[in-house]
Structure formats: structure tokens, C-alpha cells
Amino acid sequence: MEAKKILEKLSIENCPVGMGGCKNQGPSYDCCEYDITVFDGKKQKESFIEFDGSFYHIYHGTLQETSPDILLQYDGMTILLDEQWELRMLLSKIKEKKEQIFNAYIKSCLVEAGVCVTKTKNGLNTDPYSSSWLKCAAYFLADAVSVLNFHRPSPVHMLKILREFDRNKINELISPITESIGIERATPSLLSRMLKSTKGFSDLVEDNLHSKMISQKYRYMIDNSLFSDCYFYLGYINRNNFIKIPDLHRKPELIHMLKTGFDLESDTTKIESEANKLHQATNSLLSLSHE
């Protein structure tokens, strides 16, 4: 879609606007949304808008952004509106410091993975969310591997991209990571149950139109027999929402939703074994990322 039409539909005219995501830098599916960042400096939550069957994921950004995980998403962004050339200057700085930004993001993912593995091990017999933390660790490692290969994490396409990476010491770790996620368990009936829980969890945590977009992506992947990709995607969305919840210990009721949404393992012996495997993968990636 032309930039002018996007701006007209969203009624944006007074601040810099850019488009990122897979519609900007492929691959992209028909079900994918347009990622639009409005640089208005507002502390506003991201939102979703639907026009004529297309979804727009609206972010609010600042031109003074310093967070590596956000700057990573701005890399290669297409400028839709930038009358003062402020966004152009920000994107130029990101391009100059791309390697530093990517390295900071990778380090952050590996630290998060390590924290999640520790929470899994420490809570094996006491924390109802120990298996959820294990899933989170695996997804943080998948993010790290993706960026180590200079690919921005993109949940719908990520599993396909991970599988296509050249074989090397880093990418040999993709297999144990995806095994821990559980993609081989994907079946249409399981995915249908996972979808319901994922949508419910999204509505609970995000309270926006995201669940409608999740349904659209689910339907596309099911119709195209992308079952493992769909499993990976639904788990990734649950990870993103799970880590947003404060005071988890006060919300034990959420575990019932996550058991299905994450397709959680209940065997503590297996959970511990997977945690040890991911701990080893985290250490390996830390070592390899410094070579």
C-alpha cells in the first residue's frame, strides 16, 4: 500500500512516521500486518487497527530512543512522513551503530534466557509457572540466534528462517531450542486449542484487537499446512504477554490458560532435563557470540 494512503487512513500528519516489520522487509504473508511507528513521543500502548481486511500495528516511538530491542526494529525502516528529516537522522545513527545495537540485543536475550532457566530449575516443585519459564528461555534463545544471523525476530516467519540458516556452531543449537519449544507436537486439533487460550491470554493482558489478528495468522498457517510454524508463533505471542505480567505468584489462576496456550510439559524430570539443555545452549551462545 502507498505511504500516502496509510497516512490518510490513520489520519497522521504532524509527526514523523515510519513502517517496519515484514511488510517493509520481507518475507511477508497475506495475513501479516503493517507495522507503523508514529514518532510522537507518547507513552501510549501499542494498538491494532483494521481497515478493509488489513491490520495495522501502531506503535508510538521517540526520536531519542536508546533501547536496543526497539532500535533493532527501526533498522531499515521505510520513512512515510518526515518533514524535518528527524527520523532520517535517527535511522542514519542506527545504521552507523547497527553492530553495537545487535550485540546489545543478543546479550539481553541471553541474559533473559539464563534468568528464565534459573527460575525453571528453582521452581521445579514449587512454582506452577516453572514450565512456562522454560518456554520463555527457549524463545529468548531463538531470538538471540536469529539476530546472531542478522535477522530481526519476526514470529510468523521465524521458524522457517531459522531452518534456512547455514550450518555452523551457532546454528547447530537451533535444533535443541526448537525441541524444547515442542514444535514436533503440532497437530491441527492441538493448535485449535492453543489458539483459544492464546487469544484469551492476549485479551486479558493486552486488551486490544491483537487477538483478532492472531486468528487471521492462525487461519493462514493452518490453511497452508504450516503447523510447526503456527505452534512456534502462538508460543511466541504467549511469551511476549507472559513476561509483561507483574506479581505472577499472586495470579495462580493464569496457569490454566497457559497450560494450553504454551502446551506445557508437566513431567518435572523432563522439564529439568530440558532446562539443563537450554542452560548449556545459553552458555554456548554466550561463548560463541564473543568469538
C-alpha atoms as a PDB file:
ATOM      1  CA  MET A   1       0.000   0.000   0.000  1.00  0.00           C
ATOM      2  CA  GLU A   2       1.207   3.503  -0.825  1.00  0.00           C
ATOM      3  CA  ALA A   3       2.572   5.572   2.072  1.00  0.00           C
ATOM      4  CA  LYS A   4       0.108   8.366   1.355  1.00  0.00           C
ATOM      5  CA  LYS A   5      -2.878   6.037   1.704  1.00  0.00           C
ATOM      6  CA  ILE A   6      -1.599   4.633   5.013  1.00  0.00           C
ATOM      7  CA  LEU A   7      -1.217   8.142   6.442  1.00  0.00           C
ATOM      8  CA  GLU A   8      -4.674   9.126   5.194  1.00  0.00           C
ATOM      9  CA  LYS A   9      -6.280   6.062   6.744  1.00  0.00           C
ATOM     10  CA  LEU A  10      -4.567   6.678  10.079  1.00  0.00           C
ATOM     11  CA  SER A  11      -5.088  10.470   9.966  1.00  0.00           C
ATOM     12  CA  ILE A  12      -1.414  11.209  10.710  1.00  0.00           C
ATOM     13  CA  GLU A  13       0.106  14.482   9.579  1.00  0.00           C
ATOM     14  CA  ASN A  14       2.106  16.274  12.277  1.00  0.00           C
ATOM     15  CA  CYS A  15       4.972  13.955  13.288  1.00  0.00           C
ATOM     16  CA  PRO A  16       7.486  11.551  11.723  1.00  0.00           C
ATOM     17  CA  VAL A  17       6.091   8.146  10.762  1.00  0.00           C
ATOM     18  CA  GLY A  18       7.892   5.002   9.635  1.00  0.00           C
ATOM     19  CA  MET A  19       6.967   1.486   8.558  1.00  0.00           C
ATOM     20  CA  GLY A  20       8.931  -1.534   9.749  1.00  0.00           C
ATOM     21  CA  GLY A  21       8.168  -5.233  10.056  1.00  0.00           C
ATOM     22  CA  CYS A  22       7.840  -7.855   7.346  1.00  0.00           C
ATOM     23  CA  LYS A  23       5.671  -5.711   5.052  1.00  0.00           C
ATOM     24  CA  ASN A  24       8.694  -3.426   4.850  1.00  0.00           C
ATOM     25  CA  GLN A  25      11.478  -6.026   4.752  1.00  0.00           C
ATOM     26  CA  GLY A  26      10.179  -9.450   3.651  1.00  0.00           C
ATOM     27  CA  PRO A  27       9.327 -12.236   3.694  1.00  0.00           C
ATOM     28  CA  SER A  28       5.667 -11.390   4.151  1.00  0.00           C
ATOM     29  CA  TYR A  29       2.375 -13.321   4.015  1.00  0.00           C
ATOM     30  CA  ASP A  30      -1.086 -12.026   3.090  1.00  0.00           C
ATOM     31  CA  CYS A  31      -2.042 -12.359   6.764  1.00  0.00           C
ATOM     32  CA  CYS A  32       0.758 -10.094   8.004  1.00  0.00           C
ATOM     33  CA  GLU A  33       0.039  -6.643   9.393  1.00  0.00           C
ATOM     34  CA  TYR A  34       1.596  -3.266   8.608  1.00  0.00           C
ATOM     35  CA  ASP A  35       3.930  -2.176  11.425  1.00  0.00           C
ATOM     36  CA  ILE A  36       3.605   1.597  11.755  1.00  0.00           C
ATOM     37  CA  THR A  37       5.565   3.678  14.268  1.00  0.00           C
ATOM     38  CA  VAL A  38       4.362   7.199  14.996  1.00  0.00           C
ATOM     39  CA  PHE A  39       7.222   9.237  16.495  1.00  0.00           C
ATOM     40  CA  ASP A  40       5.069  11.436  18.713  1.00  0.00           C
ATOM     41  CA  GLY A  41       6.946  10.708  21.956  1.00  0.00           C
ATOM     42  CA  LYS A  42       3.755   9.490  23.647  1.00  0.00           C
ATOM     43  CA  LYS A  43       3.894   6.810  26.362  1.00  0.00           C
ATOM     44  CA  GLN A  44       0.959   5.115  24.700  1.00  0.00           C
ATOM     45  CA  LYS A  45       0.486   1.352  24.458  1.00  0.00           C
ATOM     46  CA  GLU A  46       0.707  -0.267  21.041  1.00  0.00           C
ATOM     47  CA  SER A  47      -2.639  -0.767  19.335  1.00  0.00           C
ATOM     48  CA  PHE A  48      -4.189  -2.522  16.344  1.00  0.00           C
ATOM     49  CA  ILE A  49      -6.466  -1.041  13.714  1.00  0.00           C
ATOM     50  CA  GLU A  50      -8.311  -2.882  10.937  1.00  0.00           C
ATOM     51  CA  PHE A  51      -9.110  -1.316   7.546  1.00  0.00           C
ATOM     52  CA  ASP A  52     -10.599  -3.215   4.605  1.00  0.00           C
ATOM     53  CA  GLY A  53      -9.329  -6.583   5.868  1.00  0.00           C
ATOM     54  CA  SER A  54      -5.792  -5.313   6.569  1.00  0.00           C
ATOM     55  CA  PHE A  55      -4.381  -4.867  10.061  1.00  0.00           C
ATOM     56  CA  TYR A  56      -2.124  -2.040  11.205  1.00  0.00           C
ATOM     57  CA  HIS A  57       0.045  -2.492  14.293  1.00  0.00           C
ATOM     58  CA  ILE A  58       0.534   1.023  15.658  1.00  0.00           C
ATOM     59  CA  TYR A  59       3.496   1.827  17.899  1.00  0.00           C
ATOM     60  CA  HIS A  60       4.372   5.148  19.500  1.00  0.00           C
ATOM     61  CA  GLY A  61       8.071   5.960  19.445  1.00  0.00           C
ATOM     62  CA  THR A  62      10.529   8.663  20.407  1.00  0.00           C
ATOM     63  CA  LEU A  63      13.364  10.039  18.302  1.00  0.00           C
ATOM     64  CA  GLN A  64      15.570   9.819  21.428  1.00  0.00           C
ATOM     65  CA  GLU A  65      15.143   6.029  21.747  1.00  0.00           C
ATOM     66  CA  THR A  66      18.091   4.138  23.292  1.00  0.00           C
ATOM     67  CA  SER A  67      16.681   0.629  23.939  1.00  0.00           C
ATOM     68  CA  PRO A  68      18.438  -1.944  21.663  1.00  0.00           C
ATOM     69  CA  ASP A  69      15.329  -4.140  21.252  1.00  0.00           C
ATOM     70  CA  ILE A  70      13.349  -1.175  19.907  1.00  0.00           C
ATOM     71  CA  LEU A  71      16.185   0.297  17.801  1.00  0.00           C
ATOM     72  CA  LEU A  72      16.612  -3.156  16.244  1.00  0.00           C
ATOM     73  CA  GLN A  73      13.036  -2.938  14.956  1.00  0.00           C
ATOM     74  CA  TYR A  74      13.703   0.513  13.475  1.00  0.00           C
ATOM     75  CA  ASP A  75      16.677  -0.716  11.432  1.00  0.00           C
ATOM     76  CA  GLY A  76      15.866  -0.489   7.706  1.00  0.00           C
ATOM     77  CA  MET A  77      12.539   1.253   8.366  1.00  0.00           C
ATOM     78  CA  THR A  78      10.791   2.965   5.451  1.00  0.00           C
ATOM     79  CA  ILE A  79      10.033   6.639   6.093  1.00  0.00           C
ATOM     80  CA  LEU A  80       6.381   7.539   5.462  1.00  0.00           C
ATOM     81  CA  LEU A  81       6.479  11.090   6.812  1.00  0.00           C
ATOM     82  CA  ASP A  82       9.476  13.130   7.963  1.00  0.00           C
ATOM     83  CA  GLU A  83       9.148  16.825   7.134  1.00  0.00           C
ATOM     84  CA  GLN A  84      12.048  17.903   9.387  1.00  0.00           C
ATOM     85  CA  TRP A  85      14.327  14.962   8.459  1.00  0.00           C
ATOM     86  CA  GLU A  86      14.455  13.956  12.158  1.00  0.00           C
ATOM     87  CA  LEU A  87      13.582  10.317  11.500  1.00  0.00           C
ATOM     88  CA  ARG A  88      16.097  10.177   8.690  1.00  0.00           C
ATOM     89  CA  MET A  89      18.809  11.265  11.152  1.00  0.00           C
ATOM     90  CA  LEU A  90      17.761   8.633  13.707  1.00  0.00           C
ATOM     91  CA  LEU A  91      17.822   5.862  11.068  1.00  0.00           C
ATOM     92  CA  SER A  92      21.246   7.055   9.936  1.00  0.00           C
ATOM     93  CA  LYS A  93      22.563   6.739  13.516  1.00  0.00           C
ATOM     94  CA  ILE A  94      21.055   3.250  13.801  1.00  0.00           C
ATOM     95  CA  LYS A  95      22.784   2.218  10.591  1.00  0.00           C
ATOM     96  CA  GLU A  96      26.126   3.504  11.908  1.00  0.00           C
ATOM     97  CA  LYS A  97      25.745   1.646  15.223  1.00  0.00           C
ATOM     98  CA  LYS A  98      23.967  -1.438  13.866  1.00  0.00           C
ATOM     99  CA  GLU A  99      26.568  -3.916  15.094  1.00  0.00           C
ATOM    100  CA  GLN A 100      26.559  -2.445  18.622  1.00  0.00           C
ATOM    101  CA  ILE A 101      22.749  -2.461  18.717  1.00  0.00           C
ATOM    102  CA  PHE A 102      22.541  -6.074  17.519  1.00  0.00           C
ATOM    103  CA  ASN A 103      25.212  -7.184  20.026  1.00  0.00           C
ATOM    104  CA  ALA A 104      23.434  -5.434  22.920  1.00  0.00           C
ATOM    105  CA  TYR A 105      20.162  -7.110  21.945  1.00  0.00           C
ATOM    106  CA  ILE A 106      21.804 -10.553  21.722  1.00  0.00           C
ATOM    107  CA  LYS A 107      23.368 -10.097  25.160  1.00  0.00           C
ATOM    108  CA  SER A 108      19.999  -9.040  26.597  1.00  0.00           C
ATOM    109  CA  CYS A 109      18.290 -12.145  25.141  1.00  0.00           C
ATOM    110  CA  LEU A 110      20.947 -14.467  26.551  1.00  0.00           C
ATOM    111  CA  VAL A 111      20.719 -12.846  29.999  1.00  0.00           C
ATOM    112  CA  GLU A 112      16.917 -13.225  29.904  1.00  0.00           C
ATOM    113  CA  ALA A 113      17.253 -16.867  28.823  1.00  0.00           C
ATOM    114  CA  GLY A 114      19.617 -17.521  31.730  1.00  0.00           C
ATOM    115  CA  VAL A 115      17.199 -15.916  34.206  1.00  0.00           C
ATOM    116  CA  CYS A 116      14.291 -17.980  32.841  1.00  0.00           C
ATOM    117  CA  VAL A 117      16.270 -21.242  33.060  1.00  0.00           C
ATOM    118  CA  THR A 118      17.186 -20.444  36.679  1.00  0.00           C
ATOM    119  CA  LYS A 119      13.522 -19.739  37.514  1.00  0.00           C
ATOM    120  CA  THR A 120      12.595 -23.076  35.920  1.00  0.00           C
ATOM    121  CA  LYS A 121      15.156 -25.031  37.948  1.00  0.00           C
ATOM    122  CA  ASN A 122      14.480 -23.236  41.232  1.00  0.00           C
ATOM    123  CA  GLY A 123      10.733 -23.670  40.937  1.00  0.00           C
ATOM    124  CA  LEU A 124      10.526 -27.263  39.691  1.00  0.00           C
ATOM    125  CA  ASN A 125       8.453 -28.479  42.634  1.00  0.00           C
ATOM    126  CA  THR A 126       7.120 -25.196  43.976  1.00  0.00           C
ATOM    127  CA  ASP A 127       6.368 -22.785  41.123  1.00  0.00           C
ATOM    128  CA  PRO A 128       3.342 -23.608  38.911  1.00  0.00           C
ATOM    129  CA  TYR A 129       4.966 -21.432  36.224  1.00  0.00           C
ATOM    130  CA  SER A 130       8.314 -23.285  36.057  1.00  0.00           C
ATOM    131  CA  SER A 131       7.398 -24.930  32.733  1.00  0.00           C
ATOM    132  CA  SER A 132       6.273 -21.529  31.361  1.00  0.00           C
ATOM    133  CA  TRP A 133       9.683 -20.051  32.211  1.00  0.00           C
ATOM    134  CA  LEU A 134      11.291 -22.906  30.286  1.00  0.00           C
ATOM    135  CA  LYS A 135       9.319 -21.994  27.156  1.00  0.00           C
ATOM    136  CA  CYS A 136      10.331 -18.344  27.600  1.00  0.00           C
ATOM    137  CA  ALA A 137      14.010 -19.341  27.823  1.00  0.00           C
ATOM    138  CA  ALA A 138      13.763 -21.253  24.544  1.00  0.00           C
ATOM    139  CA  TYR A 139      12.142 -18.297  22.756  1.00  0.00           C
ATOM    140  CA  PHE A 140      14.772 -15.853  24.059  1.00  0.00           C
ATOM    141  CA  LEU A 141      17.450 -18.195  22.699  1.00  0.00           C
ATOM    142  CA  ALA A 142      15.649 -18.361  19.341  1.00  0.00           C
ATOM    143  CA  ASP A 143      15.662 -14.537  19.265  1.00  0.00           C
ATOM    144  CA  ALA A 144      19.386 -14.494  20.019  1.00  0.00           C
ATOM    145  CA  VAL A 145      20.187 -16.993  17.252  1.00  0.00           C
ATOM    146  CA  SER A 146      18.067 -15.047  14.768  1.00  0.00           C
ATOM    147  CA  VAL A 147      19.896 -11.772  15.483  1.00  0.00           C
ATOM    148  CA  LEU A 148      23.287 -13.501  15.524  1.00  0.00           C
ATOM    149  CA  ASN A 149      22.413 -14.292  11.890  1.00  0.00           C
ATOM    150  CA  PHE A 150      21.461 -10.607  11.316  1.00  0.00           C
ATOM    151  CA  HIS A 151      17.727 -11.350  11.065  1.00  0.00           C
ATOM    152  CA  ARG A 152      15.249  -9.306  13.046  1.00  0.00           C
ATOM    153  CA  PRO A 153      12.925 -11.602  15.071  1.00  0.00           C
ATOM    154  CA  SER A 154       9.604 -11.986  13.267  1.00  0.00           C
ATOM    155  CA  PRO A 155       7.398 -14.635  14.956  1.00  0.00           C
ATOM    156  CA  VAL A 156       5.302 -15.768  11.961  1.00  0.00           C
ATOM    157  CA  HIS A 157       8.348 -16.283   9.718  1.00  0.00           C
ATOM    158  CA  MET A 158      10.980 -17.074  12.313  1.00  0.00           C
ATOM    159  CA  LEU A 159      10.886 -20.873  12.335  1.00  0.00           C
ATOM    160  CA  LYS A 160      11.206 -21.025   8.536  1.00  0.00           C
ATOM    161  CA  ILE A 161      14.106 -18.553   8.635  1.00  0.00           C
ATOM    162  CA  LEU A 162      15.875 -20.436  11.443  1.00  0.00           C
ATOM    163  CA  ARG A 163      15.689 -23.652   9.419  1.00  0.00           C
ATOM    164  CA  GLU A 164      17.274 -21.977   6.401  1.00  0.00           C
ATOM    165  CA  PHE A 165      20.371 -20.659   8.159  1.00  0.00           C
ATOM    166  CA  ASP A 166      23.727 -22.116   7.098  1.00  0.00           C
ATOM    167  CA  ARG A 167      25.036 -24.828   9.392  1.00  0.00           C
ATOM    168  CA  ASN A 168      27.672 -23.591  11.830  1.00  0.00           C
ATOM    169  CA  LYS A 169      28.415 -23.813  15.563  1.00  0.00           C
ATOM    170  CA  ILE A 170      25.779 -21.211  16.423  1.00  0.00           C
ATOM    171  CA  ASN A 171      23.057 -22.647  14.204  1.00  0.00           C
ATOM    172  CA  GLU A 172      23.622 -26.202  15.438  1.00  0.00           C
ATOM    173  CA  LEU A 173      21.882 -25.015  18.595  1.00  0.00           C
ATOM    174  CA  ILE A 174      18.630 -24.311  16.716  1.00  0.00           C
ATOM    175  CA  SER A 175      17.559 -27.958  16.934  1.00  0.00           C
ATOM    176  CA  PRO A 176      17.721 -28.303  20.755  1.00  0.00           C
ATOM    177  CA  ILE A 177      15.998 -24.919  21.099  1.00  0.00           C
ATOM    178  CA  THR A 178      13.049 -25.833  18.837  1.00  0.00           C
ATOM    179  CA  GLU A 179      12.828 -29.253  20.507  1.00  0.00           C
ATOM    180  CA  SER A 180      12.405 -27.514  23.872  1.00  0.00           C
ATOM    181  CA  ILE A 181       9.698 -25.309  22.372  1.00  0.00           C
ATOM    182  CA  GLY A 182       7.936 -28.512  21.265  1.00  0.00           C
ATOM    183  CA  ILE A 183       7.148 -27.804  17.610  1.00  0.00           C
ATOM    184  CA  GLU A 184       7.054 -31.533  16.756  1.00  0.00           C
ATOM    185  CA  ARG A 185       3.873 -31.817  18.851  1.00  0.00           C
ATOM    186  CA  ALA A 186       1.910 -29.544  16.492  1.00  0.00           C
ATOM    187  CA  THR A 187      -1.364 -31.021  15.220  1.00  0.00           C
ATOM    188  CA  PRO A 188      -4.469 -29.204  13.925  1.00  0.00           C
ATOM    189  CA  SER A 189      -6.532 -30.205  16.985  1.00  0.00           C
ATOM    190  CA  LEU A 190      -3.844 -29.067  19.459  1.00  0.00           C
ATOM    191  CA  LEU A 191      -3.319 -25.804  17.557  1.00  0.00           C
ATOM    192  CA  SER A 192      -7.053 -25.081  17.679  1.00  0.00           C
ATOM    193  CA  ARG A 193      -6.988 -25.393  21.491  1.00  0.00           C
ATOM    194  CA  MET A 194      -3.784 -23.343  21.720  1.00  0.00           C
ATOM    195  CA  LEU A 195      -5.398 -20.585  19.640  1.00  0.00           C
ATOM    196  CA  LYS A 196      -8.354 -20.202  22.031  1.00  0.00           C
ATOM    197  CA  SER A 197      -6.065 -19.892  25.057  1.00  0.00           C
ATOM    198  CA  THR A 198      -3.623 -17.582  23.251  1.00  0.00           C
ATOM    199  CA  LYS A 199      -6.454 -15.243  22.235  1.00  0.00           C
ATOM    200  CA  GLY A 200      -7.901 -15.282  25.740  1.00  0.00           C
ATOM    201  CA  PHE A 201      -4.492 -14.541  27.252  1.00  0.00           C
ATOM    202  CA  SER A 202      -3.936 -11.711  24.749  1.00  0.00           C
ATOM    203  CA  ASP A 203      -7.317 -10.145  25.577  1.00  0.00           C
ATOM    204  CA  LEU A 204      -6.518 -10.385  29.288  1.00  0.00           C
ATOM    205  CA  VAL A 205      -3.032  -8.849  29.079  1.00  0.00           C
ATOM    206  CA  GLU A 206      -3.188  -6.547  26.044  1.00  0.00           C
ATOM    207  CA  ASP A 207      -6.884  -5.672  25.796  1.00  0.00           C
ATOM    208  CA  ASN A 208      -6.785  -4.607  22.136  1.00  0.00           C
ATOM    209  CA  LEU A 209      -7.513  -6.063  18.692  1.00  0.00           C
ATOM    210  CA  HIS A 210      -4.436  -8.321  18.728  1.00  0.00           C
ATOM    211  CA  SER A 211      -6.472 -11.491  19.274  1.00  0.00           C
ATOM    212  CA  LYS A 212      -8.317 -10.854  16.004  1.00  0.00           C
ATOM    213  CA  MET A 213      -5.005 -10.590  14.166  1.00  0.00           C
ATOM    214  CA  ILE A 214      -3.743 -13.756  15.897  1.00  0.00           C
ATOM    215  CA  SER A 215      -6.799 -15.571  14.491  1.00  0.00           C
ATOM    216  CA  GLN A 216      -6.055 -14.304  10.985  1.00  0.00           C
ATOM    217  CA  LYS A 217      -2.450 -15.529  11.116  1.00  0.00           C
ATOM    218  CA  TYR A 218      -3.517 -18.852  12.636  1.00  0.00           C
ATOM    219  CA  ARG A 219      -6.043 -19.408   9.827  1.00  0.00           C
ATOM    220  CA  TYR A 220      -3.475 -18.591   7.141  1.00  0.00           C
ATOM    221  CA  MET A 221      -0.906 -21.016   8.583  1.00  0.00           C
ATOM    222  CA  ILE A 222      -3.444 -23.807   9.087  1.00  0.00           C
ATOM    223  CA  ASP A 223      -4.772 -23.361   5.532  1.00  0.00           C
ATOM    224  CA  ASN A 224      -1.190 -23.589   4.246  1.00  0.00           C
ATOM    225  CA  SER A 225      -0.274 -26.608   6.439  1.00  0.00           C
ATOM    226  CA  LEU A 226       2.326 -24.583   8.372  1.00  0.00           C
ATOM    227  CA  PHE A 227       1.558 -26.431  11.599  1.00  0.00           C
ATOM    228  CA  SER A 228       5.000 -26.218  13.252  1.00  0.00           C
ATOM    229  CA  ASP A 229       5.264 -22.532  12.295  1.00  0.00           C
ATOM    230  CA  CYS A 230       1.827 -21.914  13.828  1.00  0.00           C
ATOM    231  CA  TYR A 231       2.844 -23.683  17.049  1.00  0.00           C
ATOM    232  CA  PHE A 232       6.022 -21.579  17.229  1.00  0.00           C
ATOM    233  CA  TYR A 233       4.062 -18.375  16.565  1.00  0.00           C
ATOM    234  CA  LEU A 234       1.369 -18.968  19.211  1.00  0.00           C
ATOM    235  CA  GLY A 235       4.011 -19.793  21.831  1.00  0.00           C
ATOM    236  CA  TYR A 236       5.985 -16.680  20.897  1.00  0.00           C
ATOM    237  CA  ILE A 237       2.928 -14.448  21.398  1.00  0.00           C
ATOM    238  CA  ASN A 238       2.272 -16.088  24.774  1.00  0.00           C
ATOM    239  CA  ARG A 239       5.903 -15.498  25.776  1.00  0.00           C
ATOM    240  CA  ASN A 240       5.591 -11.800  24.930  1.00  0.00           C
ATOM    241  CA  ASN A 241       2.445 -11.476  27.052  1.00  0.00           C
ATOM    242  CA  PHE A 242       3.623 -13.724  29.893  1.00  0.00           C
ATOM    243  CA  ILE A 243       6.699 -11.605  30.619  1.00  0.00           C
ATOM    244  CA  LYS A 244       4.534  -8.465  30.886  1.00  0.00           C
ATOM    245  CA  ILE A 245       2.690  -9.756  33.972  1.00  0.00           C
ATOM    246  CA  PRO A 246       3.856  -8.426  37.355  1.00  0.00           C
ATOM    247  CA  ASP A 247       3.340 -10.384  40.603  1.00  0.00           C
ATOM    248  CA  LEU A 248       2.791 -13.723  38.892  1.00  0.00           C
ATOM    249  CA  HIS A 249       2.774 -15.503  42.244  1.00  0.00           C
ATOM    250  CA  ARG A 250      -0.467 -13.671  43.045  1.00  0.00           C
ATOM    251  CA  LYS A 251      -2.152 -14.906  39.871  1.00  0.00           C
ATOM    252  CA  PRO A 252      -2.090 -18.739  40.009  1.00  0.00           C
ATOM    253  CA  GLU A 253      -5.321 -18.867  38.005  1.00  0.00           C
ATOM    254  CA  LEU A 254      -3.427 -17.895  34.822  1.00  0.00           C
ATOM    255  CA  ILE A 255      -1.661 -21.254  34.748  1.00  0.00           C
ATOM    256  CA  HIS A 256      -4.819 -22.945  33.443  1.00  0.00           C
ATOM    257  CA  MET A 257      -4.824 -20.683  30.396  1.00  0.00           C
ATOM    258  CA  LEU A 258      -1.076 -21.100  29.838  1.00  0.00           C
ATOM    259  CA  LYS A 259      -1.152 -24.901  30.143  1.00  0.00           C
ATOM    260  CA  THR A 260      -2.942 -24.990  26.804  1.00  0.00           C
ATOM    261  CA  GLY A 261      -1.628 -21.769  25.246  1.00  0.00           C
ATOM    262  CA  PHE A 262       2.010 -22.778  25.851  1.00  0.00           C
ATOM    263  CA  ASP A 263       1.275 -26.529  25.540  1.00  0.00           C
ATOM    264  CA  LEU A 264       3.127 -27.031  28.825  1.00  0.00           C
ATOM    265  CA  GLU A 265       5.004 -30.118  29.958  1.00  0.00           C
ATOM    266  CA  SER A 266       4.017 -31.450  33.410  1.00  0.00           C
ATOM    267  CA  ASP A 267       6.711 -34.108  33.909  1.00  0.00           C
ATOM    268  CA  THR A 268       9.251 -32.466  36.263  1.00  0.00           C
ATOM    269  CA  THR A 269      12.016 -34.875  35.214  1.00  0.00           C
ATOM    270  CA  LYS A 270      11.603 -33.860  31.585  1.00  0.00           C
ATOM    271  CA  ILE A 271      11.341 -30.156  32.493  1.00  0.00           C
ATOM    272  CA  GLU A 272      14.606 -30.390  34.444  1.00  0.00           C
ATOM    273  CA  SER A 273      16.310 -32.220  31.568  1.00  0.00           C
ATOM    274  CA  GLU A 274      15.176 -29.541  29.078  1.00  0.00           C
ATOM    275  CA  ALA A 275      16.288 -26.782  31.468  1.00  0.00           C
ATOM    276  CA  ASN A 276      19.780 -28.297  31.647  1.00  0.00           C
ATOM    277  CA  LYS A 277      19.881 -28.496  27.858  1.00  0.00           C
ATOM    278  CA  LEU A 278      18.885 -24.841  27.474  1.00  0.00           C
ATOM    279  CA  HIS A 279      21.363 -23.803  30.173  1.00  0.00           C
ATOM    280  CA  GLN A 280      24.098 -25.432  28.118  1.00  0.00           C
ATOM    281  CA  ALA A 281      22.817 -23.769  24.919  1.00  0.00           C
ATOM    282  CA  THR A 282      22.809 -20.361  26.655  1.00  0.00           C
ATOM    283  CA  ASN A 283      26.425 -20.791  27.778  1.00  0.00           C
ATOM    284  CA  SER A 284      27.443 -21.947  24.298  1.00  0.00           C
ATOM    285  CA  LEU A 285      25.821 -18.925  22.658  1.00  0.00           C
ATOM    286  CA  LEU A 286      27.437 -16.571  25.173  1.00  0.00           C
ATOM    287  CA  SER A 287      30.803 -18.063  24.307  1.00  0.00           C
ATOM    288  CA  LEU A 288      30.222 -18.102  20.525  1.00  0.00           C
ATOM    289  CA  SER A 289      28.831 -14.554  20.428  1.00  0.00           C
ATOM    290  CA  HIS A 290      32.152 -13.263  21.783  1.00  0.00           C
ATOM    291  CA  GLU A 291      34.330 -15.036  19.215  1.00  0.00           C
END
